[in-house]
N, C-alpha and C. Protein backbone atom coordinates (compact mmCIF):
# COMPACT_ATOMS: atom_id res chain seq x y z
N MET A 1 -2.04 22.44 -52.42
CA MET A 1 -2.70 21.99 -51.21
C MET A 1 -1.74 22.08 -50.04
N SER A 2 -2.18 22.67 -48.94
CA SER A 2 -1.28 22.84 -47.79
C SER A 2 -1.26 21.58 -46.93
N LYS A 3 -0.18 21.42 -46.25
CA LYS A 3 0.04 20.25 -45.40
C LYS A 3 -0.86 20.33 -44.17
N ILE A 4 -1.43 19.20 -43.79
CA ILE A 4 -2.26 19.14 -42.58
C ILE A 4 -1.31 19.14 -41.38
N PRO A 5 -1.51 20.06 -40.42
CA PRO A 5 -0.64 20.09 -39.25
C PRO A 5 -0.67 18.77 -38.48
N ARG A 6 0.51 18.37 -38.01
CA ARG A 6 0.65 17.12 -37.27
C ARG A 6 0.94 17.47 -35.80
N ILE A 7 0.09 16.95 -34.91
CA ILE A 7 0.17 17.24 -33.49
C ILE A 7 0.65 15.99 -32.75
N ALA A 8 1.71 16.12 -31.96
CA ALA A 8 2.17 15.02 -31.10
C ALA A 8 1.46 15.14 -29.76
N ILE A 9 0.91 14.03 -29.30
CA ILE A 9 0.27 13.96 -27.99
C ILE A 9 1.13 13.04 -27.13
N VAL A 10 1.75 13.62 -26.10
CA VAL A 10 2.67 12.87 -25.23
C VAL A 10 2.07 12.86 -23.83
N ASP A 11 1.47 11.73 -23.46
CA ASP A 11 0.82 11.62 -22.15
C ASP A 11 0.81 10.15 -21.76
N ASP A 12 1.12 9.85 -20.50
CA ASP A 12 1.17 8.45 -20.07
C ASP A 12 -0.20 7.90 -19.67
N ASP A 13 -1.25 8.72 -19.75
CA ASP A 13 -2.61 8.27 -19.44
C ASP A 13 -3.33 7.96 -20.75
N GLU A 14 -3.64 6.68 -20.96
CA GLU A 14 -4.24 6.25 -22.24
C GLU A 14 -5.57 6.94 -22.52
N ALA A 15 -6.41 7.10 -21.49
CA ALA A 15 -7.72 7.73 -21.69
C ALA A 15 -7.55 9.18 -22.14
N ILE A 16 -6.60 9.88 -21.57
CA ILE A 16 -6.35 11.27 -21.96
C ILE A 16 -5.79 11.32 -23.38
N ARG A 17 -4.86 10.41 -23.70
CA ARG A 17 -4.32 10.35 -25.07
C ARG A 17 -5.44 10.16 -26.08
N GLU A 18 -6.34 9.22 -25.78
CA GLU A 18 -7.42 8.93 -26.72
C GLU A 18 -8.39 10.11 -26.85
N ALA A 19 -8.71 10.76 -25.73
CA ALA A 19 -9.60 11.93 -25.79
C ALA A 19 -8.96 13.06 -26.59
N LEU A 20 -7.67 13.30 -26.37
CA LEU A 20 -6.97 14.35 -27.11
C LEU A 20 -6.85 13.98 -28.59
N ASP A 21 -6.65 12.69 -28.87
CA ASP A 21 -6.58 12.23 -30.26
C ASP A 21 -7.91 12.52 -30.97
N ASP A 22 -9.03 12.17 -30.33
CA ASP A 22 -10.35 12.45 -30.92
C ASP A 22 -10.52 13.95 -31.16
N PHE A 23 -10.11 14.75 -30.18
CA PHE A 23 -10.23 16.21 -30.29
C PHE A 23 -9.40 16.74 -31.46
N VAL A 24 -8.13 16.34 -31.52
CA VAL A 24 -7.22 16.82 -32.57
C VAL A 24 -7.75 16.43 -33.95
N LEU A 25 -8.21 15.20 -34.09
CA LEU A 25 -8.76 14.74 -35.38
C LEU A 25 -10.02 15.53 -35.74
N SER A 26 -10.86 15.82 -34.74
CA SER A 26 -12.10 16.57 -35.01
C SER A 26 -11.80 18.00 -35.45
N CYS A 27 -10.62 18.50 -35.12
CA CYS A 27 -10.22 19.85 -35.54
C CYS A 27 -9.60 19.85 -36.94
N GLY A 28 -9.45 18.66 -37.52
CA GLY A 28 -8.91 18.57 -38.87
C GLY A 28 -7.40 18.41 -38.92
N TYR A 29 -6.79 18.10 -37.78
CA TYR A 29 -5.34 17.91 -37.73
C TYR A 29 -5.01 16.42 -37.70
N GLU A 30 -3.76 16.10 -38.00
CA GLU A 30 -3.26 14.74 -37.82
C GLU A 30 -2.71 14.64 -36.41
N SER A 31 -2.67 13.43 -35.87
CA SER A 31 -2.07 13.27 -34.55
C SER A 31 -1.14 12.07 -34.53
N ARG A 32 -0.19 12.15 -33.63
CA ARG A 32 0.72 11.04 -33.34
C ARG A 32 0.70 10.88 -31.83
N LEU A 33 0.46 9.65 -31.37
CA LEU A 33 0.32 9.40 -29.94
C LEU A 33 1.58 8.74 -29.37
N TYR A 34 1.99 9.23 -28.21
CA TYR A 34 3.17 8.71 -27.52
C TYR A 34 2.82 8.54 -26.05
N SER A 35 3.10 7.34 -25.50
CA SER A 35 2.76 7.06 -24.11
C SER A 35 3.83 7.54 -23.14
N SER A 36 4.94 8.04 -23.68
CA SER A 36 6.01 8.54 -22.82
C SER A 36 6.90 9.49 -23.61
N ALA A 37 7.67 10.27 -22.86
CA ALA A 37 8.65 11.15 -23.51
C ALA A 37 9.70 10.32 -24.22
N GLU A 38 10.06 9.19 -23.62
CA GLU A 38 11.06 8.33 -24.24
C GLU A 38 10.58 7.82 -25.59
N GLU A 39 9.31 7.44 -25.67
CA GLU A 39 8.75 6.96 -26.94
C GLU A 39 8.81 8.09 -27.98
N PHE A 40 8.49 9.31 -27.58
CA PHE A 40 8.58 10.43 -28.52
C PHE A 40 10.02 10.63 -28.98
N LEU A 41 10.97 10.54 -28.07
CA LEU A 41 12.37 10.76 -28.43
C LEU A 41 12.91 9.70 -29.37
N ARG A 42 12.28 8.51 -29.39
CA ARG A 42 12.68 7.46 -30.33
C ARG A 42 12.09 7.68 -31.72
N GLU A 43 11.15 8.61 -31.85
CA GLU A 43 10.50 8.90 -33.13
C GLU A 43 11.53 9.40 -34.13
N ALA A 44 11.63 8.72 -35.25
CA ALA A 44 12.62 9.10 -36.27
C ALA A 44 12.24 10.39 -36.99
N ASP A 45 10.95 10.64 -37.11
CA ASP A 45 10.48 11.77 -37.92
C ASP A 45 9.96 12.92 -37.05
N ARG A 46 10.72 13.28 -36.01
CA ARG A 46 10.28 14.36 -35.11
C ARG A 46 10.16 15.70 -35.84
N GLU A 47 10.91 15.88 -36.92
CA GLU A 47 10.86 17.14 -37.67
C GLU A 47 9.48 17.39 -38.29
N ALA A 48 8.68 16.33 -38.46
CA ALA A 48 7.37 16.46 -39.09
C ALA A 48 6.30 16.92 -38.10
N ILE A 49 6.65 17.04 -36.82
CA ILE A 49 5.67 17.45 -35.80
C ILE A 49 5.57 18.98 -35.81
N ASP A 50 4.33 19.48 -35.87
CA ASP A 50 4.10 20.93 -35.93
C ASP A 50 3.78 21.55 -34.57
N CYS A 51 3.28 20.73 -33.65
CA CYS A 51 2.94 21.22 -32.31
C CYS A 51 2.87 20.00 -31.39
N MET A 52 3.09 20.23 -30.10
CA MET A 52 3.06 19.13 -29.13
C MET A 52 2.13 19.45 -27.98
N LEU A 53 1.32 18.46 -27.59
CA LEU A 53 0.53 18.52 -26.36
C LEU A 53 1.21 17.56 -25.39
N VAL A 54 1.71 18.09 -24.28
CA VAL A 54 2.60 17.32 -23.41
C VAL A 54 2.12 17.37 -21.96
N ASP A 55 2.04 16.19 -21.34
CA ASP A 55 1.75 16.11 -19.91
C ASP A 55 3.02 16.50 -19.15
N VAL A 56 2.86 17.20 -18.04
CA VAL A 56 4.03 17.62 -17.26
C VAL A 56 4.59 16.44 -16.48
N LYS A 57 3.74 15.74 -15.75
CA LYS A 57 4.21 14.66 -14.87
C LYS A 57 3.94 13.31 -15.52
N MET A 58 5.03 12.64 -15.92
CA MET A 58 4.93 11.30 -16.48
C MET A 58 5.99 10.45 -15.81
N SER A 59 5.76 9.14 -15.77
CA SER A 59 6.80 8.27 -15.23
C SER A 59 7.98 8.31 -16.21
N GLY A 60 9.16 8.13 -15.71
CA GLY A 60 10.35 8.27 -16.55
C GLY A 60 10.65 9.73 -16.79
N VAL A 61 10.95 10.07 -18.04
CA VAL A 61 11.27 11.46 -18.40
C VAL A 61 10.01 12.31 -18.31
N SER A 62 10.07 13.40 -17.55
CA SER A 62 8.91 14.28 -17.40
C SER A 62 8.76 15.18 -18.62
N GLY A 63 7.62 15.86 -18.68
CA GLY A 63 7.41 16.81 -19.77
C GLY A 63 8.45 17.93 -19.77
N LEU A 64 8.81 18.41 -18.57
CA LEU A 64 9.81 19.48 -18.48
C LEU A 64 11.19 18.98 -18.90
N GLU A 65 11.51 17.74 -18.54
CA GLU A 65 12.79 17.16 -18.98
C GLU A 65 12.80 16.97 -20.50
N LEU A 66 11.67 16.56 -21.06
CA LEU A 66 11.56 16.43 -22.52
C LEU A 66 11.79 17.79 -23.17
N GLN A 67 11.20 18.83 -22.61
CA GLN A 67 11.38 20.18 -23.14
C GLN A 67 12.87 20.55 -23.14
N ALA A 68 13.57 20.27 -22.06
CA ALA A 68 15.00 20.60 -21.97
C ALA A 68 15.81 19.82 -23.01
N ILE A 69 15.48 18.55 -23.21
CA ILE A 69 16.17 17.73 -24.21
C ILE A 69 15.95 18.31 -25.61
N LEU A 70 14.70 18.67 -25.92
CA LEU A 70 14.40 19.22 -27.24
C LEU A 70 15.03 20.60 -27.43
N ASN A 71 15.10 21.39 -26.36
CA ASN A 71 15.77 22.69 -26.45
C ASN A 71 17.23 22.50 -26.82
N GLU A 72 17.88 21.50 -26.23
CA GLU A 72 19.28 21.19 -26.54
C GLU A 72 19.44 20.73 -27.98
N ALA A 73 18.47 19.94 -28.46
CA ALA A 73 18.56 19.36 -29.80
C ALA A 73 18.36 20.39 -30.89
N GLY A 74 17.70 21.49 -30.57
CA GLY A 74 17.51 22.53 -31.59
C GLY A 74 16.10 22.60 -32.13
N HIS A 75 15.66 21.59 -32.87
CA HIS A 75 14.31 21.64 -33.45
C HIS A 75 13.29 21.32 -32.37
N LYS A 76 12.44 22.29 -32.09
CA LYS A 76 11.39 22.05 -31.09
C LYS A 76 10.13 22.75 -31.55
N PRO A 77 9.09 21.96 -31.87
CA PRO A 77 7.83 22.60 -32.22
C PRO A 77 7.22 23.26 -30.98
N PRO A 78 6.24 24.14 -31.16
CA PRO A 78 5.58 24.74 -30.00
C PRO A 78 5.04 23.64 -29.08
N MET A 79 5.24 23.82 -27.77
CA MET A 79 4.79 22.84 -26.78
C MET A 79 3.69 23.46 -25.93
N ILE A 80 2.57 22.75 -25.86
CA ILE A 80 1.47 23.13 -24.98
C ILE A 80 1.44 22.10 -23.85
N PHE A 81 1.75 22.56 -22.64
CA PHE A 81 1.76 21.66 -21.50
C PHE A 81 0.38 21.58 -20.87
N MET A 82 0.08 20.38 -20.35
CA MET A 82 -1.18 20.15 -19.65
C MET A 82 -0.85 19.42 -18.35
N THR A 83 -1.47 19.86 -17.27
CA THR A 83 -1.18 19.21 -15.99
C THR A 83 -2.31 19.38 -14.99
N SER A 84 -2.39 18.43 -14.07
CA SER A 84 -3.31 18.56 -12.93
C SER A 84 -2.62 19.29 -11.80
N TYR A 85 -1.29 19.39 -11.87
CA TYR A 85 -0.49 20.03 -10.83
C TYR A 85 -0.27 21.48 -11.24
N ARG A 86 -0.99 22.39 -10.61
CA ARG A 86 -0.98 23.78 -11.07
C ARG A 86 -0.08 24.67 -10.22
N ASP A 87 1.07 24.17 -9.82
CA ASP A 87 1.93 25.03 -9.01
C ASP A 87 2.67 26.03 -9.90
N GLU A 88 2.88 27.20 -9.36
CA GLU A 88 3.47 28.31 -10.14
C GLU A 88 4.92 28.03 -10.54
N ARG A 89 5.65 27.31 -9.72
CA ARG A 89 7.05 27.03 -10.04
C ARG A 89 7.15 26.18 -11.32
N THR A 90 6.31 25.16 -11.39
CA THR A 90 6.30 24.30 -12.58
C THR A 90 5.88 25.09 -13.81
N LYS A 91 4.85 25.91 -13.65
CA LYS A 91 4.38 26.74 -14.76
C LYS A 91 5.48 27.68 -15.23
N ALA A 92 6.16 28.33 -14.28
CA ALA A 92 7.24 29.26 -14.63
C ALA A 92 8.38 28.54 -15.34
N GLU A 93 8.72 27.34 -14.86
CA GLU A 93 9.80 26.57 -15.49
C GLU A 93 9.44 26.22 -16.94
N ALA A 94 8.19 25.80 -17.15
CA ALA A 94 7.75 25.44 -18.51
C ALA A 94 7.78 26.67 -19.42
N LEU A 95 7.22 27.78 -18.95
CA LEU A 95 7.16 28.98 -19.79
C LEU A 95 8.55 29.57 -20.02
N ASN A 96 9.39 29.54 -19.00
CA ASN A 96 10.77 30.03 -19.17
C ASN A 96 11.56 29.16 -20.15
N GLY A 97 11.17 27.88 -20.26
CA GLY A 97 11.82 26.97 -21.19
C GLY A 97 11.28 27.10 -22.61
N GLY A 98 10.32 28.01 -22.79
CA GLY A 98 9.80 28.25 -24.13
C GLY A 98 8.45 27.63 -24.43
N ALA A 99 7.75 27.13 -23.41
CA ALA A 99 6.43 26.55 -23.65
C ALA A 99 5.51 27.59 -24.27
N PHE A 100 4.68 27.16 -25.19
CA PHE A 100 3.72 28.07 -25.82
C PHE A 100 2.57 28.36 -24.86
N ALA A 101 2.14 27.34 -24.12
CA ALA A 101 1.03 27.52 -23.18
C ALA A 101 1.15 26.47 -22.07
N PHE A 102 0.49 26.75 -20.95
CA PHE A 102 0.49 25.86 -19.79
C PHE A 102 -0.95 25.78 -19.31
N LEU A 103 -1.60 24.64 -19.55
CA LEU A 103 -3.02 24.49 -19.27
C LEU A 103 -3.27 23.49 -18.15
N GLY A 104 -4.28 23.77 -17.33
CA GLY A 104 -4.66 22.84 -16.27
C GLY A 104 -5.58 21.76 -16.81
N LYS A 105 -5.51 20.59 -16.18
CA LYS A 105 -6.45 19.51 -16.49
C LYS A 105 -7.57 19.57 -15.47
N PRO A 106 -8.80 19.26 -15.82
CA PRO A 106 -9.20 18.88 -17.18
C PRO A 106 -9.11 20.08 -18.13
N VAL A 107 -8.62 19.81 -19.33
CA VAL A 107 -8.41 20.86 -20.32
C VAL A 107 -9.75 21.31 -20.89
N GLU A 108 -9.92 22.61 -20.99
CA GLU A 108 -11.10 23.15 -21.67
C GLU A 108 -10.80 23.13 -23.16
N PHE A 109 -11.58 22.36 -23.92
CA PHE A 109 -11.27 22.15 -25.33
C PHE A 109 -11.32 23.44 -26.15
N ASP A 110 -12.22 24.36 -25.82
CA ASP A 110 -12.26 25.62 -26.56
C ASP A 110 -10.95 26.38 -26.39
N HIS A 111 -10.44 26.40 -25.17
CA HIS A 111 -9.18 27.10 -24.89
C HIS A 111 -8.01 26.37 -25.56
N LEU A 112 -8.04 25.04 -25.52
CA LEU A 112 -6.99 24.25 -26.16
C LEU A 112 -6.98 24.50 -27.67
N LEU A 113 -8.15 24.55 -28.29
CA LEU A 113 -8.22 24.81 -29.73
C LEU A 113 -7.62 26.18 -30.06
N LEU A 114 -7.94 27.17 -29.26
CA LEU A 114 -7.39 28.51 -29.47
C LEU A 114 -5.86 28.48 -29.36
N CYS A 115 -5.34 27.79 -28.35
CA CYS A 115 -3.88 27.68 -28.18
C CYS A 115 -3.25 26.95 -29.37
N LEU A 116 -3.88 25.86 -29.81
CA LEU A 116 -3.36 25.10 -30.95
C LEU A 116 -3.30 25.98 -32.20
N GLU A 117 -4.40 26.68 -32.48
CA GLU A 117 -4.43 27.53 -33.68
C GLU A 117 -3.35 28.61 -33.62
N ARG A 118 -3.18 29.22 -32.47
CA ARG A 118 -2.15 30.25 -32.33
C ARG A 118 -0.75 29.66 -32.45
N ALA A 119 -0.53 28.51 -31.85
CA ALA A 119 0.79 27.86 -31.92
C ALA A 119 1.15 27.51 -33.36
N LEU A 120 0.16 27.04 -34.12
CA LEU A 120 0.42 26.63 -35.49
C LEU A 120 0.65 27.82 -36.43
N GLN A 121 0.26 29.01 -36.00
CA GLN A 121 0.47 30.20 -36.83
C GLN A 121 1.88 30.77 -36.67
N ARG A 122 2.63 30.28 -35.69
CA ARG A 122 3.98 30.80 -35.44
C ARG A 122 4.92 30.48 -36.56
C-alpha cells in the first residue's frame, strides 16, 4: 500500500486554511495546517511533508522568506505559492527560488489540483 501524500498548508488566514484543508482532504490527501511560517518551522517532522501550499504575504516570516530558509536547510518539498498580490517581481522571486507554481487568489481548485498532482509526481 502506498503512502498517502501529506500536504502542508501554511496561511495566516483561518478561513483559507480551512477551505484548503477541505479541498486537500477531498482529493484523498492528508493535510497539516500551519497558521504561520514560524509554526511550520517548529514542526519536528517536516521530512514527512510531500508538498506545500504557501501564502506569500503573512505576518512575521513571509512565504518567500520561508522558501529561502528551506532552501538553506536542504530538504524542501515542492512549494505552490498562493497570493492576492500578483506582481511580477514577487512571482519571479518565488519561481527563481524553486517554487513549483505561483497561483493567484482566489485559487481555482481545478488548477490547484492539477498543480498538486504534478508536484507530487516529481
